[in-house]
C-alpha atoms as a PDB file:
ATOM      1  CA  UNK A   1     -18.708-193.180 108.646  1.00  0.00           C
ATOM      2  CA  UNK A   2     -19.851-191.014 111.534  1.00  0.00           C
ATOM      3  CA  UNK A   3     -22.813-188.616 110.160  1.00  0.00           C
ATOM      4  CA  UNK A   4     -22.910-185.138 111.837  1.00  0.00           C
ATOM      5  CA  UNK A   5     -25.764-184.759 113.895  1.00  0.00           C
ATOM      6  CA  UNK A   6     -27.891-181.412 114.628  1.00  0.00           C
ATOM      7  CA  UNK A   7     -28.740-177.874 112.561  1.00  0.00           C
ATOM      8  CA  UNK A   8     -25.572-176.157 111.040  1.00  0.00           C
ATOM      9  CA  UNK A   9     -27.430-172.991 111.712  1.00  0.00           C
ATOM     10  CA  UNK A  10     -27.653-170.865 114.669  1.00  0.00           C
ATOM     11  CA  UNK A  11     -31.227-171.764 116.773  1.00  0.00           C
ATOM     12  CA  UNK A  12     -31.348-168.299 117.585  1.00  0.00           C
ATOM     13  CA  UNK A  13     -29.724-165.825 115.638  1.00  0.00           C
ATOM     14  CA  UNK A  14     -29.744-162.017 115.923  1.00  0.00           C
ATOM     15  CA  UNK A  15     -27.983-160.236 112.495  1.00  0.00           C
ATOM     16  CA  UNK A  16     -28.289-156.762 111.432  1.00  0.00           C
ATOM     17  CA  UNK A  17     -28.779-155.456 108.235  1.00  0.00           C
ATOM     18  CA  UNK A  18     -26.026-155.855 105.921  1.00  0.00           C
ATOM     19  CA  UNK A  19     -25.374-154.464 102.095  1.00  0.00           C
ATOM     20  CA  UNK A  20     -22.548-157.274 101.526  1.00  0.00           C
ATOM     21  CA  UNK A  21     -20.007-159.154 103.205  1.00  0.00           C
ATOM     22  CA  UNK A  22     -16.301-159.664 103.027  1.00  0.00           C
ATOM     23  CA  UNK A  23     -17.176-163.156 104.524  1.00  0.00           C
ATOM     24  CA  UNK A  24     -16.745-165.543 101.370  1.00  0.00           C
ATOM     25  CA  UNK A  25     -12.954-163.992 101.313  1.00  0.00           C
ATOM     26  CA  UNK A  26     -12.596-164.645 104.997  1.00  0.00           C
ATOM     27  CA  UNK A  27     -13.412-168.067 105.074  1.00  0.00           C
ATOM     28  CA  UNK A  28     -11.818-168.485 101.549  1.00  0.00           C
ATOM     29  CA  UNK A  29      -8.846-167.402 103.264  1.00  0.00           C
ATOM     30  CA  UNK A  30      -8.724-169.768 105.943  1.00  0.00           C
ATOM     31  CA  UNK A  31      -9.245-172.922 104.030  1.00  0.00           C
ATOM     32  CA  UNK A  32      -6.468-172.107 101.952  1.00  0.00           C
ATOM     33  CA  UNK A  33      -4.393-171.581 104.597  1.00  0.00           C
ATOM     34  CA  UNK A  34      -5.601-175.213 105.758  1.00  0.00           C
ATOM     35  CA  UNK A  35      -8.613-174.602 107.914  1.00  0.00           C
ATOM     36  CA  UNK A  36     -11.352-177.226 107.656  1.00  0.00           C
ATOM     37  CA  UNK A  37     -14.147-175.226 108.799  1.00  0.00           C
ATOM     38  CA  UNK A  38     -17.586-176.505 109.474  1.00  0.00           C
ATOM     39  CA  UNK A  39     -20.467-175.172 107.634  1.00  0.00           C
ATOM     40  CA  UNK A  40     -21.464-173.685 110.587  1.00  0.00           C
ATOM     41  CA  UNK A  41     -18.151-172.208 111.604  1.00  0.00           C
ATOM     42  CA  UNK A  42     -18.488-170.853 107.950  1.00  0.00           C
ATOM     43  CA  UNK A  43     -21.784-169.125 108.226  1.00  0.00           C
ATOM     44  CA  UNK A  44     -20.445-167.490 111.680  1.00  0.00           C
ATOM     45  CA  UNK A  45     -17.045-166.283 110.240  1.00  0.00           C
ATOM     46  CA  UNK A  46     -19.344-164.764 107.066  1.00  0.00           C
ATOM     47  CA  UNK A  47     -22.118-162.721 109.182  1.00  0.00           C
ATOM     48  CA  UNK A  48     -19.048-161.223 111.479  1.00  0.00           C
ATOM     49  CA  UNK A  49     -17.831-160.044 108.036  1.00  0.00           C
ATOM     50  CA  UNK A  50     -21.177-158.248 106.717  1.00  0.00           C
ATOM     51  CA  UNK A  51     -20.655-155.086 106.080  1.00  0.00           C
ATOM     52  CA  UNK A  52     -23.345-151.768 105.958  1.00  0.00           C
ATOM     53  CA  UNK A  53     -23.486-149.256 103.403  1.00  0.00           C
ATOM     54  CA  UNK A  54     -20.773-147.166 104.509  1.00  0.00           C
ATOM     55  CA  UNK A  55     -18.650-150.056 103.526  1.00  0.00           C
ATOM     56  CA  UNK A  56     -18.024-150.697 107.669  1.00  0.00           C
ATOM     57  CA  UNK A  57     -18.843-153.764 110.122  1.00  0.00           C
ATOM     58  CA  UNK A  58     -22.416-154.323 110.130  1.00  0.00           C
ATOM     59  CA  UNK A  59     -22.092-155.090 113.863  1.00  0.00           C
ATOM     60  CA  UNK A  60     -20.037-153.511 115.938  1.00  0.00           C
ATOM     61  CA  UNK A  61     -20.454-156.592 118.600  1.00  0.00           C
ATOM     62  CA  UNK A  62     -20.834-160.387 117.628  1.00  0.00           C
ATOM     63  CA  UNK A  63     -21.166-162.758 120.144  1.00  0.00           C
ATOM     64  CA  UNK A  64     -21.620-166.515 119.543  1.00  0.00           C
ATOM     65  CA  UNK A  65     -22.842-169.296 122.362  1.00  0.00           C
ATOM     66  CA  UNK A  66     -21.410-172.855 121.936  1.00  0.00           C
ATOM     67  CA  UNK A  67     -20.944-174.927 124.344  1.00  0.00           C
ATOM     68  CA  UNK A  68     -17.687-176.392 125.429  1.00  0.00           C
ATOM     69  CA  UNK A  69     -15.392-178.396 123.012  1.00  0.00           C
ATOM     70  CA  UNK A  70     -17.381-177.973 120.009  1.00  0.00           C
ATOM     71  CA  UNK A  71     -15.365-175.578 117.633  1.00  0.00           C
ATOM     72  CA  UNK A  72     -15.494-172.292 119.111  1.00  0.00           C
ATOM     73  CA  UNK A  73     -11.958-171.658 118.444  1.00  0.00           C
ATOM     74  CA  UNK A  74     -11.982-172.650 115.221  1.00  0.00           C
ATOM     75  CA  UNK A  75     -14.344-169.998 114.281  1.00  0.00           C
ATOM     76  CA  UNK A  76     -12.003-167.258 116.436  1.00  0.00           C
ATOM     77  CA  UNK A  77      -9.006-168.613 114.801  1.00  0.00           C
ATOM     78  CA  UNK A  78     -10.369-168.052 111.431  1.00  0.00           C
ATOM     79  CA  UNK A  79     -11.454-164.360 112.438  1.00  0.00           C
ATOM     80  CA  UNK A  80      -8.042-163.804 113.852  1.00  0.00           C
ATOM     81  CA  UNK A  81      -6.325-165.031 110.516  1.00  0.00           C
ATOM     82  CA  UNK A  82      -8.416-162.940 108.499  1.00  0.00           C
ATOM     83  CA  UNK A  83      -8.288-159.810 110.509  1.00  0.00           C
ATOM     84  CA  UNK A  84      -4.505-159.932 110.795  1.00  0.00           C
ATOM     85  CA  UNK A  85      -3.761-160.530 107.047  1.00  0.00           C
ATOM     86  CA  UNK A  86      -6.433-159.503 105.053  1.00  0.00           C
ATOM     87  CA  UNK A  87      -8.061-156.063 106.312  1.00  0.00           C
ATOM     88  CA  UNK A  88      -5.720-153.129 106.554  1.00  0.00           C
ATOM     89  CA  UNK A  89      -6.748-150.052 107.519  1.00  0.00           C
ATOM     90  CA  UNK A  90      -7.857-147.693 105.271  1.00  0.00           C
ATOM     91  CA  UNK A  91      -5.276-144.503 106.763  1.00  0.00           C
ATOM     92  CA  UNK A  92      -2.390-146.934 106.539  1.00  0.00           C
ATOM     93  CA  UNK A  93      -2.203-147.078 110.822  1.00  0.00           C
ATOM     94  CA  UNK A  94      -1.285-150.397 112.324  1.00  0.00           C
ATOM     95  CA  UNK A  95      -4.125-152.628 112.515  1.00  0.00           C
ATOM     96  CA  UNK A  96      -3.987-154.364 116.260  1.00  0.00           C
ATOM     97  CA  UNK A  97      -6.317-157.446 117.096  1.00  0.00           C
ATOM     98  CA  UNK A  98      -6.199-158.374 120.499  1.00  0.00           C
ATOM     99  CA  UNK A  99      -7.264-162.265 121.422  1.00  0.00           C
ATOM    100  CA  UNK A 100      -7.966-162.042 125.404  1.00  0.00           C
ATOM    101  CA  UNK A 101      -8.982-165.060 127.557  1.00  0.00           C
ATOM    102  CA  UNK A 102      -9.888-165.542 131.113  1.00  0.00           C
ATOM    103  CA  UNK A 103      -6.769-167.670 131.573  1.00  0.00           C
ATOM    104  CA  UNK A 104      -3.677-167.441 129.972  1.00  0.00           C
ATOM    105  CA  UNK A 105      -3.781-171.319 128.792  1.00  0.00           C
ATOM    106  CA  UNK A 106      -6.506-170.304 126.654  1.00  0.00           C
ATOM    107  CA  UNK A 107      -4.984-167.626 124.844  1.00  0.00           C
ATOM    108  CA  UNK A 108      -1.692-169.425 124.733  1.00  0.00           C
ATOM    109  CA  UNK A 109      -3.337-172.273 123.314  1.00  0.00           C
ATOM    110  CA  UNK A 110      -5.157-170.080 120.403  1.00  0.00           C
ATOM    111  CA  UNK A 111      -1.695-168.346 120.024  1.00  0.00           C
ATOM    112  CA  UNK A 112      -0.246-172.065 119.058  1.00  0.00           C
ATOM    113  CA  UNK A 113      -3.141-172.923 116.740  1.00  0.00           C
ATOM    114  CA  UNK A 114      -2.453-169.704 114.807  1.00  0.00           C
ATOM    115  CA  UNK A 115       0.837-169.473 114.985  1.00  0.00           C
ATOM    116  CA  UNK A 116       1.156-173.396 113.541  1.00  0.00           C
ATOM    117  CA  UNK A 117      -0.888-172.447 110.630  1.00  0.00           C
ATOM    118  CA  UNK A 118       1.159-169.094 109.801  1.00  0.00           C
ATOM    119  CA  UNK A 119       4.450-170.870 110.127  1.00  0.00           C
ATOM    120  CA  UNK A 120       2.974-174.014 108.204  1.00  0.00           C
ATOM    121  CA  UNK A 121       2.108-171.732 105.094  1.00  0.00           C
ATOM    122  CA  UNK A 122       5.725-169.559 103.362  1.00  0.00           C
ATOM    123  CA  UNK A 123       3.832-167.107 101.770  1.00  0.00           C
ATOM    124  CA  UNK A 124       2.341-165.751 105.251  1.00  0.00           C
ATOM    125  CA  UNK A 125       5.599-166.395 107.083  1.00  0.00           C
ATOM    126  CA  UNK A 126       6.625-163.960 104.077  1.00  0.00           C
ATOM    127  CA  UNK A 127       4.505-161.388 105.205  1.00  0.00           C
ATOM    128  CA  UNK A 128       5.714-161.697 109.437  1.00  0.00           C
ATOM    129  CA  UNK A 129       8.600-159.655 110.639  1.00  0.00           C
ATOM    130  CA  UNK A 130       8.284-161.792 114.038  1.00  0.00           C
ATOM    131  CA  UNK A 131       6.442-164.205 116.603  1.00  0.00           C
ATOM    132  CA  UNK A 132       6.878-163.229 120.253  1.00  0.00           C
ATOM    133  CA  UNK A 133       6.275-166.444 122.269  1.00  0.00           C
ATOM    134  CA  UNK A 134       7.258-165.400 125.638  1.00  0.00           C
ATOM    135  CA  UNK A 135       4.817-166.505 128.060  1.00  0.00           C
ATOM    136  CA  UNK A 136       2.454-163.729 128.430  1.00  0.00           C
ATOM    137  CA  UNK A 137       3.513-161.807 125.526  1.00  0.00           C
ATOM    138  CA  UNK A 138       2.525-163.864 122.759  1.00  0.00           C
ATOM    139  CA  UNK A 139       2.062-162.483 119.419  1.00  0.00           C
ATOM    140  CA  UNK A 140       2.403-162.025 115.285  1.00  0.00           C
ATOM    141  CA  UNK A 141       3.757-159.013 114.213  1.00  0.00           C
ATOM    142  CA  UNK A 142       3.652-158.665 110.228  1.00  0.00           C
ATOM    143  CA  UNK A 143       6.303-156.273 108.264  1.00  0.00           C
ATOM    144  CA  UNK A 144       4.698-152.752 107.120  1.00  0.00           C
ATOM    145  CA  UNK A 145       2.980-152.959 104.201  1.00  0.00           C
ATOM    146  CA  UNK A 146       3.154-150.344 101.731  1.00  0.00           C
ATOM    147  CA  UNK A 147       2.852-147.146 103.660  1.00  0.00           C
ATOM    148  CA  UNK A 148       2.840-148.131 106.844  1.00  0.00           C
ATOM    149  CA  UNK A 149       5.511-147.163 109.840  1.00  0.00           C
ATOM    150  CA  UNK A 150       4.407-150.334 111.757  1.00  0.00           C
ATOM    151  CA  UNK A 151       3.177-153.475 110.285  1.00  0.00           C
ATOM    152  CA  UNK A 152      -0.016-154.852 111.940  1.00  0.00           C
ATOM    153  CA  UNK A 153      -0.186-157.492 114.654  1.00  0.00           C
ATOM    154  CA  UNK A 154      -2.470-159.920 116.323  1.00  0.00           C
ATOM    155  CA  UNK A 155      -2.080-159.769 120.385  1.00  0.00           C
ATOM    156  CA  UNK A 156      -2.988-162.500 123.061  1.00  0.00           C
ATOM    157  CA  UNK A 157      -3.549-161.649 126.520  1.00  0.00           C
ATOM    158  CA  UNK A 158      -4.959-163.280 129.325  1.00  0.00           C
ATOM    159  CA  UNK A 159      -7.990-160.636 130.763  1.00  0.00           C
ATOM    160  CA  UNK A 160      -7.375-158.165 133.958  1.00  0.00           C
ATOM    161  CA  UNK A 161      -8.477-154.715 134.894  1.00  0.00           C
ATOM    162  CA  UNK A 162      -5.465-153.280 133.642  1.00  0.00           C
ATOM    163  CA  UNK A 163      -4.933-155.771 130.125  1.00  0.00           C
ATOM    164  CA  UNK A 164      -4.775-153.532 127.501  1.00  0.00           C
ATOM    165  CA  UNK A 165      -3.575-150.654 128.664  1.00  0.00           C
ATOM    166  CA  UNK A 166      -0.899-148.704 126.233  1.00  0.00           C
ATOM    167  CA  UNK A 167      -2.440-149.711 122.892  1.00  0.00           C
ATOM    168  CA  UNK A 168      -5.521-149.069 120.767  1.00  0.00           C
ATOM    169  CA  UNK A 169      -6.901-152.353 118.971  1.00  0.00           C
ATOM    170  CA  UNK A 170      -9.436-152.258 116.169  1.00  0.00           C
ATOM    171  CA  UNK A 171     -10.378-155.518 117.089  1.00  0.00           C
ATOM    172  CA  UNK A 172     -11.333-157.289 120.322  1.00  0.00           C
ATOM    173  CA  UNK A 173     -11.683-160.767 120.811  1.00  0.00           C
ATOM    174  CA  UNK A 174     -13.211-162.070 124.012  1.00  0.00           C
ATOM    175  CA  UNK A 175     -12.824-165.905 124.327  1.00  0.00           C
ATOM    176  CA  UNK A 176     -14.133-167.274 127.391  1.00  0.00           C
ATOM    177  CA  UNK A 177     -16.792-164.413 127.398  1.00  0.00           C
ATOM    178  CA  UNK A 178     -18.407-166.478 130.526  1.00  0.00           C
ATOM    179  CA  UNK A 179     -15.748-164.743 132.367  1.00  0.00           C
ATOM    180  CA  UNK A 180     -15.885-161.282 131.468  1.00  0.00           C
ATOM    181  CA  UNK A 181     -16.159-158.851 134.648  1.00  0.00           C
ATOM    182  CA  UNK A 182     -17.005-155.268 133.657  1.00  0.00           C
ATOM    183  CA  UNK A 183     -14.082-154.154 135.105  1.00  0.00           C
ATOM    184  CA  UNK A 184     -11.954-155.832 132.239  1.00  0.00           C
ATOM    185  CA  UNK A 185     -14.305-155.400 129.957  1.00  0.00           C
ATOM    186  CA  UNK A 186     -14.003-151.387 130.639  1.00  0.00           C
ATOM    187  CA  UNK A 187     -10.168-151.430 130.350  1.00  0.00           C
ATOM    188  CA  UNK A 188     -10.376-153.467 126.964  1.00  0.00           C
ATOM    189  CA  UNK A 189     -12.832-151.052 125.396  1.00  0.00           C
ATOM    190  CA  UNK A 190     -11.100-148.193 126.443  1.00  0.00           C
ATOM    191  CA  UNK A 191      -8.321-149.133 123.975  1.00  0.00           C
ATOM    192  CA  UNK A 192     -11.286-148.894 121.133  1.00  0.00           C
ATOM    193  CA  UNK A 193     -11.980-145.180 121.867  1.00  0.00           C
ATOM    194  CA  UNK A 194     -10.157-143.617 118.963  1.00  0.00           C
ATOM    195  CA  UNK A 195     -10.984-146.513 116.384  1.00  0.00           C
ATOM    196  CA  UNK A 196     -12.926-145.960 113.403  1.00  0.00           C
ATOM    197  CA  UNK A 197     -15.000-149.469 112.263  1.00  0.00           C
ATOM    198  CA  UNK A 198     -13.833-151.333 115.248  1.00  0.00           C
ATOM    199  CA  UNK A 199     -15.404-154.192 116.313  1.00  0.00           C
ATOM    200  CA  UNK A 200     -15.575-157.055 120.075  1.00  0.00           C
END
C-alpha cells in the first residue's frame, strides 16, 4: 500500500468566524453520491459552508490554491453538487450555480464528472428535469421544487468579458483562477448584484 505524504490541512489559512456550518451535510451528500474525498478536500468543502450568526455564508469569497493534478477539481465537484441539490433559496427563486473555467475544455470536463455522478444516482436523477450536453451550453436543470416556478440549475461556461450576462448567479466558481482577468470577473460578479447570501 502507498502511504499518503504531506499535511491534510492548509499550511496557510484565513477563515472568518462562524457559528456553525453546513459542511457536514455537504460532505455526507458527496459521499452518499459516490465521491471519495480526501481528508483535506472534506476540510475545504466544510469551510466553504460555514455560516454566520444570520445563517448566511460566513465568507462571500472563498479560495483554494492547489498545484495541478492534486484533487482540486474533486472539491469543486462536491461544492457544485451540494449547492445544486441541498440549498434551495429561502424566497424559492431559482438558484443558479455558475461553474466557470478559463478554457472550455476544463469546464466541459468538470461538467462530465458532475453529470456522471448525477446520472449514476437514481434519487438525484428523479430531481433532474434535463441535462444539456450541447458544447458550450452544458447545464443540469432540476425540476421545480414546491413553490418554485423555475428549477435550480448548474451551468458550465468558459470565461470571457461577456460570459454570465443575462442571468443572476447565486454561486460562482472560478476554476483555473490563475487566468481570471478583471474584465471576466467584472462580467460575472455583475450577475450577483441583486443576490442575497451570494458566494464566489
